[in-house]
């Protein structure tokens, strides 16, 4: 009876501690992606694009302006200063609704019935 308790303690205690540490690590990593957190920030990276294995272009929004910067191993270089960001720049049209599986299947089988 005592050995089963000790065995469960030896197995489950590290498992629970590992789950706690893992959840804290994930919370820290995903905290910046949570909704509401971006509204309080004064700087935002809008888009990035890899140019070569060591060079990346990034569009950074800061104080209502967009800046194009080059990020490399040697440092960060300002490439271009964009215009003032207006409220209409953030508008992203909703994607067209995709047809349901039933509708797609019906359209595919409609042509083969003839």
N, C-alpha and C. Protein backbone atom coordinates (compact mmCIF):
# COMPACT_ATOMS: atom_id res chain seq x y z
N UNK A 1 0.83 -1.19 0.00
CA UNK A 1 0.00 0.00 0.00
C UNK A 1 0.87 1.26 0.00
N UNK A 2 1.87 1.29 0.83
CA UNK A 2 2.76 2.45 0.91
C UNK A 2 3.59 2.59 -0.36
N UNK A 3 3.97 1.47 -0.96
CA UNK A 3 4.80 1.52 -2.16
C UNK A 3 4.04 2.08 -3.36
N UNK A 4 2.78 1.79 -3.46
CA UNK A 4 1.99 2.34 -4.56
C UNK A 4 1.87 3.85 -4.44
N UNK A 5 1.71 4.34 -3.22
CA UNK A 5 1.64 5.78 -2.99
C UNK A 5 2.96 6.45 -3.39
N UNK A 6 4.07 5.87 -2.99
CA UNK A 6 5.38 6.42 -3.31
C UNK A 6 5.61 6.36 -4.83
N UNK A 7 5.21 5.27 -5.45
CA UNK A 7 5.38 5.13 -6.89
C UNK A 7 4.54 6.18 -7.64
N UNK A 8 3.30 6.37 -7.22
CA UNK A 8 2.46 7.40 -7.84
C UNK A 8 3.05 8.79 -7.63
N UNK A 9 3.59 9.04 -6.45
CA UNK A 9 4.20 10.33 -6.16
C UNK A 9 5.42 10.58 -7.03
N UNK A 10 6.23 9.56 -7.23
CA UNK A 10 7.44 9.69 -8.04
C UNK A 10 7.08 9.92 -9.51
N UNK A 11 6.01 9.32 -9.99
CA UNK A 11 5.63 9.46 -11.39
C UNK A 11 4.82 10.74 -11.62
N UNK A 12 3.85 11.02 -10.78
CA UNK A 12 2.93 12.12 -11.04
C UNK A 12 3.46 13.49 -10.65
N UNK A 13 4.31 13.58 -9.65
CA UNK A 13 4.83 14.89 -9.24
C UNK A 13 5.65 15.56 -10.34
N UNK A 14 6.61 14.87 -10.98
CA UNK A 14 7.31 15.52 -12.10
C UNK A 14 6.38 15.83 -13.28
N UNK A 15 5.38 14.98 -13.52
CA UNK A 15 4.45 15.22 -14.60
C UNK A 15 3.65 16.51 -14.36
N UNK A 16 3.14 16.70 -13.16
CA UNK A 16 2.38 17.90 -12.84
C UNK A 16 3.28 19.13 -12.88
N UNK A 17 4.48 19.03 -12.37
CA UNK A 17 5.42 20.16 -12.41
C UNK A 17 5.78 20.51 -13.86
N UNK A 18 5.99 19.51 -14.69
CA UNK A 18 6.28 19.75 -16.10
C UNK A 18 5.13 20.42 -16.82
N UNK A 19 3.90 20.00 -16.51
CA UNK A 19 2.73 20.64 -17.11
C UNK A 19 2.59 22.09 -16.67
N UNK A 20 2.91 22.38 -15.41
CA UNK A 20 2.85 23.76 -14.93
C UNK A 20 3.89 24.63 -15.64
N UNK A 21 5.10 24.15 -15.73
CA UNK A 21 6.17 24.91 -16.38
C UNK A 21 5.85 25.09 -17.87
N UNK A 22 5.35 24.05 -18.51
CA UNK A 22 4.99 24.15 -19.92
C UNK A 22 3.87 25.13 -20.18
N UNK A 23 2.86 25.13 -19.32
CA UNK A 23 1.76 26.08 -19.52
C UNK A 23 2.21 27.52 -19.27
N UNK A 24 3.09 27.74 -18.31
CA UNK A 24 3.62 29.09 -18.10
C UNK A 24 4.46 29.54 -19.28
N UNK A 25 5.25 28.65 -19.86
CA UNK A 25 6.06 28.98 -21.03
C UNK A 25 5.16 29.33 -22.21
N UNK A 26 4.11 28.53 -22.46
CA UNK A 26 3.18 28.82 -23.56
C UNK A 26 2.43 30.13 -23.33
N UNK A 27 2.05 30.41 -22.08
CA UNK A 27 1.35 31.65 -21.77
C UNK A 27 2.23 32.85 -22.14
N UNK A 28 3.51 32.77 -21.79
CA UNK A 28 4.43 33.87 -22.10
C UNK A 28 4.61 34.05 -23.60
N UNK A 29 4.68 32.95 -24.34
CA UNK A 29 4.86 33.03 -25.79
C UNK A 29 3.61 33.55 -26.49
N UNK A 30 2.43 33.14 -26.05
CA UNK A 30 1.19 33.49 -26.73
C UNK A 30 0.53 34.75 -26.17
N UNK A 31 1.09 35.34 -25.13
CA UNK A 31 0.49 36.50 -24.50
C UNK A 31 0.40 37.69 -25.45
N UNK A 32 1.39 37.86 -26.33
CA UNK A 32 1.38 39.00 -27.24
C UNK A 32 0.35 38.84 -28.35
N UNK A 33 -0.11 37.63 -28.62
CA UNK A 33 -1.08 37.39 -29.68
C UNK A 33 -2.53 37.49 -29.20
N UNK A 34 -2.73 37.70 -27.92
CA UNK A 34 -4.09 37.75 -27.39
C UNK A 34 -4.77 39.04 -27.80
N UNK A 35 -6.08 38.99 -28.04
CA UNK A 35 -6.79 40.20 -28.46
C UNK A 35 -6.80 41.23 -27.33
N UNK A 36 -6.71 42.50 -27.72
CA UNK A 36 -6.73 43.58 -26.75
C UNK A 36 -5.35 44.06 -26.35
N UNK A 37 -4.36 43.24 -26.50
CA UNK A 37 -3.02 43.64 -26.10
C UNK A 37 -2.39 44.60 -27.10
N UNK A 38 -2.75 44.50 -28.38
CA UNK A 38 -2.14 45.33 -29.41
C UNK A 38 -2.60 46.78 -29.34
N UNK A 39 -3.74 47.05 -28.74
CA UNK A 39 -4.26 48.41 -28.70
C UNK A 39 -3.40 49.32 -27.82
N UNK A 40 -2.71 48.77 -26.86
CA UNK A 40 -1.91 49.58 -25.95
C UNK A 40 -0.49 49.80 -26.45
N UNK A 41 -0.10 49.15 -27.52
CA UNK A 41 1.26 49.28 -28.04
C UNK A 41 1.37 50.45 -29.00
N UNK A 42 2.53 51.10 -29.00
CA UNK A 42 2.76 52.22 -29.91
C UNK A 42 3.47 51.79 -31.18
N UNK A 43 3.95 50.56 -31.23
CA UNK A 43 4.65 50.06 -32.40
C UNK A 43 4.05 48.71 -32.77
N UNK A 44 3.95 48.45 -34.08
CA UNK A 44 3.39 47.18 -34.55
C UNK A 44 4.09 46.78 -35.84
N UNK A 45 4.43 45.51 -35.95
CA UNK A 45 5.01 44.97 -37.17
C UNK A 45 3.84 44.48 -38.01
N UNK A 46 3.61 45.13 -39.15
CA UNK A 46 2.46 44.80 -39.99
C UNK A 46 2.73 43.63 -40.92
N UNK A 47 3.93 43.56 -41.48
CA UNK A 47 4.23 42.49 -42.43
C UNK A 47 5.73 42.28 -42.50
N UNK A 48 6.15 41.04 -42.73
CA UNK A 48 7.56 40.72 -42.92
C UNK A 48 7.71 39.86 -44.17
N UNK A 49 8.89 39.93 -44.79
CA UNK A 49 9.15 39.13 -45.97
C UNK A 49 10.64 38.80 -46.01
N UNK A 50 10.94 37.52 -46.20
CA UNK A 50 12.34 37.09 -46.31
C UNK A 50 12.86 37.45 -47.69
N UNK A 51 14.01 38.11 -47.74
CA UNK A 51 14.66 38.46 -49.00
C UNK A 51 15.73 37.41 -49.33
N UNK A 52 16.51 37.07 -48.33
CA UNK A 52 17.53 36.02 -48.46
C UNK A 52 17.65 35.37 -47.08
N UNK A 53 18.44 34.31 -46.95
CA UNK A 53 18.52 33.62 -45.66
C UNK A 53 18.93 34.51 -44.48
N UNK A 54 19.64 35.59 -44.74
CA UNK A 54 20.05 36.44 -43.63
C UNK A 54 19.40 37.81 -43.60
N UNK A 55 18.51 38.10 -44.56
CA UNK A 55 17.92 39.44 -44.67
C UNK A 55 16.41 39.33 -44.74
N UNK A 56 15.75 40.20 -43.99
CA UNK A 56 14.29 40.23 -43.95
C UNK A 56 13.83 41.68 -44.05
N UNK A 57 12.77 41.93 -44.83
CA UNK A 57 12.14 43.25 -44.89
C UNK A 57 10.94 43.24 -43.96
N UNK A 58 10.71 44.35 -43.27
CA UNK A 58 9.58 44.45 -42.35
C UNK A 58 8.92 45.81 -42.50
N UNK A 59 7.60 45.82 -42.46
CA UNK A 59 6.83 47.05 -42.43
C UNK A 59 6.43 47.28 -40.98
N UNK A 60 6.92 48.38 -40.43
CA UNK A 60 6.69 48.71 -39.02
C UNK A 60 5.83 49.96 -38.96
N UNK A 61 4.79 49.92 -38.14
CA UNK A 61 3.95 51.09 -37.95
C UNK A 61 4.29 51.71 -36.61
N UNK A 62 4.63 53.02 -36.64
CA UNK A 62 5.05 53.71 -35.43
C UNK A 62 4.55 55.15 -35.49
N UNK A 63 3.80 55.56 -34.47
CA UNK A 63 3.24 56.91 -34.37
C UNK A 63 2.50 57.33 -35.63
N UNK A 64 1.69 56.45 -36.18
CA UNK A 64 0.86 56.78 -37.33
C UNK A 64 1.58 56.78 -38.66
N UNK A 65 2.81 56.32 -38.71
CA UNK A 65 3.56 56.27 -39.96
C UNK A 65 4.03 54.84 -40.20
N UNK A 66 4.19 54.50 -41.45
CA UNK A 66 4.71 53.19 -41.80
C UNK A 66 6.15 53.33 -42.25
N UNK A 67 7.00 52.46 -41.72
CA UNK A 67 8.42 52.46 -42.04
C UNK A 67 8.80 51.11 -42.62
N UNK A 68 9.58 51.11 -43.69
CA UNK A 68 10.10 49.89 -44.28
C UNK A 68 11.54 49.74 -43.82
N UNK A 69 11.82 48.65 -43.09
CA UNK A 69 13.16 48.43 -42.56
C UNK A 69 13.71 47.11 -43.05
N UNK A 70 15.02 47.06 -43.17
CA UNK A 70 15.72 45.84 -43.53
C UNK A 70 16.38 45.30 -42.27
N UNK A 71 16.12 44.04 -41.95
CA UNK A 71 16.68 43.42 -40.76
C UNK A 71 17.66 42.35 -41.21
N UNK A 72 18.92 42.51 -40.80
CA UNK A 72 19.97 41.55 -41.15
C UNK A 72 20.77 41.22 -39.90
N UNK A 73 21.72 40.34 -40.07
CA UNK A 73 22.57 39.97 -38.93
C UNK A 73 23.41 41.15 -38.44
N UNK A 74 23.69 42.06 -39.35
CA UNK A 74 24.52 43.21 -39.00
C UNK A 74 23.73 44.32 -38.32
N UNK A 75 22.40 44.31 -38.44
CA UNK A 75 21.59 45.34 -37.80
C UNK A 75 20.33 45.64 -38.57
N UNK A 76 19.69 46.75 -38.19
CA UNK A 76 18.44 47.18 -38.80
C UNK A 76 18.71 48.48 -39.55
N UNK A 77 18.23 48.55 -40.80
CA UNK A 77 18.44 49.72 -41.64
C UNK A 77 17.10 50.23 -42.14
N UNK A 78 16.90 51.55 -42.05
CA UNK A 78 15.68 52.16 -42.57
C UNK A 78 15.79 52.25 -44.09
N UNK A 79 14.82 51.64 -44.80
CA UNK A 79 14.83 51.63 -46.26
C UNK A 79 13.98 52.77 -46.80
N UNK A 80 12.76 52.93 -46.26
CA UNK A 80 11.86 53.95 -46.77
C UNK A 80 10.88 54.37 -45.68
N UNK A 81 10.47 55.63 -45.72
CA UNK A 81 9.45 56.14 -44.82
C UNK A 81 8.15 56.22 -45.59
N UNK A 82 7.15 55.52 -45.11
CA UNK A 82 5.85 55.55 -45.78
C UNK A 82 5.04 56.75 -45.35
N UNK A 83 3.85 56.86 -45.91
CA UNK A 83 2.97 57.97 -45.58
C UNK A 83 2.27 57.75 -44.25
N UNK A 84 1.39 58.68 -43.94
CA UNK A 84 0.60 58.61 -42.72
C UNK A 84 -0.46 57.54 -42.91
N UNK A 85 -0.68 56.74 -41.87
CA UNK A 85 -1.66 55.66 -41.92
C UNK A 85 -3.03 56.23 -41.60
N UNK A 86 -4.00 55.97 -42.46
CA UNK A 86 -5.38 56.40 -42.20
C UNK A 86 -6.19 55.21 -41.72
N UNK A 87 -7.38 55.50 -41.25
CA UNK A 87 -8.24 54.42 -40.72
C UNK A 87 -8.66 53.46 -41.82
N UNK A 88 -8.74 53.92 -43.08
CA UNK A 88 -9.18 53.05 -44.16
C UNK A 88 -8.09 52.05 -44.57
N UNK A 89 -6.83 52.28 -44.17
CA UNK A 89 -5.75 51.35 -44.51
C UNK A 89 -5.88 50.03 -43.78
N UNK A 90 -6.53 50.05 -42.63
CA UNK A 90 -6.65 48.83 -41.84
C UNK A 90 -7.84 47.98 -42.27
N UNK A 91 -8.66 48.48 -43.21
CA UNK A 91 -9.83 47.74 -43.66
C UNK A 91 -9.39 46.55 -44.50
N UNK A 92 -9.85 45.38 -44.10
CA UNK A 92 -9.58 44.16 -44.85
C UNK A 92 -10.93 43.56 -45.22
N UNK A 93 -11.23 43.43 -46.50
CA UNK A 93 -12.54 42.88 -46.87
C UNK A 93 -12.66 41.43 -46.44
N UNK A 94 -13.87 41.06 -46.08
CA UNK A 94 -14.12 39.69 -45.65
C UNK A 94 -13.99 38.77 -46.85
N UNK A 95 -13.40 37.59 -46.65
CA UNK A 95 -13.28 36.66 -47.77
C UNK A 95 -14.65 36.13 -48.17
N UNK A 96 -14.76 35.78 -49.43
CA UNK A 96 -16.02 35.22 -49.92
C UNK A 96 -16.29 33.90 -49.20
N UNK A 97 -17.53 33.68 -48.81
CA UNK A 97 -17.83 32.44 -48.09
C UNK A 97 -17.61 31.23 -48.98
N UNK A 98 -16.99 30.23 -48.42
CA UNK A 98 -16.75 29.01 -49.18
C UNK A 98 -18.02 28.17 -49.19
N UNK A 99 -18.31 27.50 -50.29
CA UNK A 99 -19.52 26.69 -50.33
C UNK A 99 -19.38 25.49 -49.39
N UNK A 100 -20.50 25.05 -48.87
CA UNK A 100 -20.47 23.90 -48.00
C UNK A 100 -20.13 22.64 -48.80
N UNK A 101 -19.79 21.59 -48.10
CA UNK A 101 -19.44 20.34 -48.76
C UNK A 101 -20.61 19.84 -49.59
N UNK A 102 -21.83 19.99 -49.07
CA UNK A 102 -23.02 19.52 -49.77
C UNK A 102 -23.19 20.28 -51.09
N UNK A 103 -23.01 21.62 -51.06
CA UNK A 103 -23.15 22.42 -52.28
C UNK A 103 -22.07 22.08 -53.30
N UNK A 104 -20.84 21.91 -52.84
CA UNK A 104 -19.75 21.57 -53.75
C UNK A 104 -19.98 20.20 -54.39
N UNK A 105 -20.43 19.25 -53.59
CA UNK A 105 -20.69 17.91 -54.11
C UNK A 105 -21.86 17.94 -55.09
N UNK A 106 -22.89 18.74 -54.79
CA UNK A 106 -24.04 18.84 -55.69
C UNK A 106 -23.63 19.46 -57.02
N UNK A 107 -22.77 20.47 -56.99
CA UNK A 107 -22.35 21.10 -58.25
C UNK A 107 -21.48 20.16 -59.06
N UNK A 108 -20.71 19.31 -58.42
CA UNK A 108 -19.87 18.36 -59.14
C UNK A 108 -20.70 17.23 -59.75
N UNK A 109 -21.69 16.76 -59.01
CA UNK A 109 -22.50 15.64 -59.51
C UNK A 109 -23.57 16.10 -60.49
N UNK A 110 -23.92 17.40 -60.49
CA UNK A 110 -24.94 17.91 -61.40
C UNK A 110 -24.49 17.75 -62.85
N UNK A 111 -23.24 18.00 -63.12
CA UNK A 111 -22.75 17.87 -64.49
C UNK A 111 -22.62 16.45 -64.96
N UNK A 112 -22.42 15.50 -64.04
CA UNK A 112 -22.22 14.10 -64.45
C UNK A 112 -23.54 13.35 -64.64
N UNK A 113 -24.68 13.92 -64.25
CA UNK A 113 -25.96 13.24 -64.41
C UNK A 113 -26.47 13.27 -65.84
N UNK A 114 -26.01 14.20 -66.63
CA UNK A 114 -26.53 14.37 -67.99
C UNK A 114 -26.13 13.26 -68.90
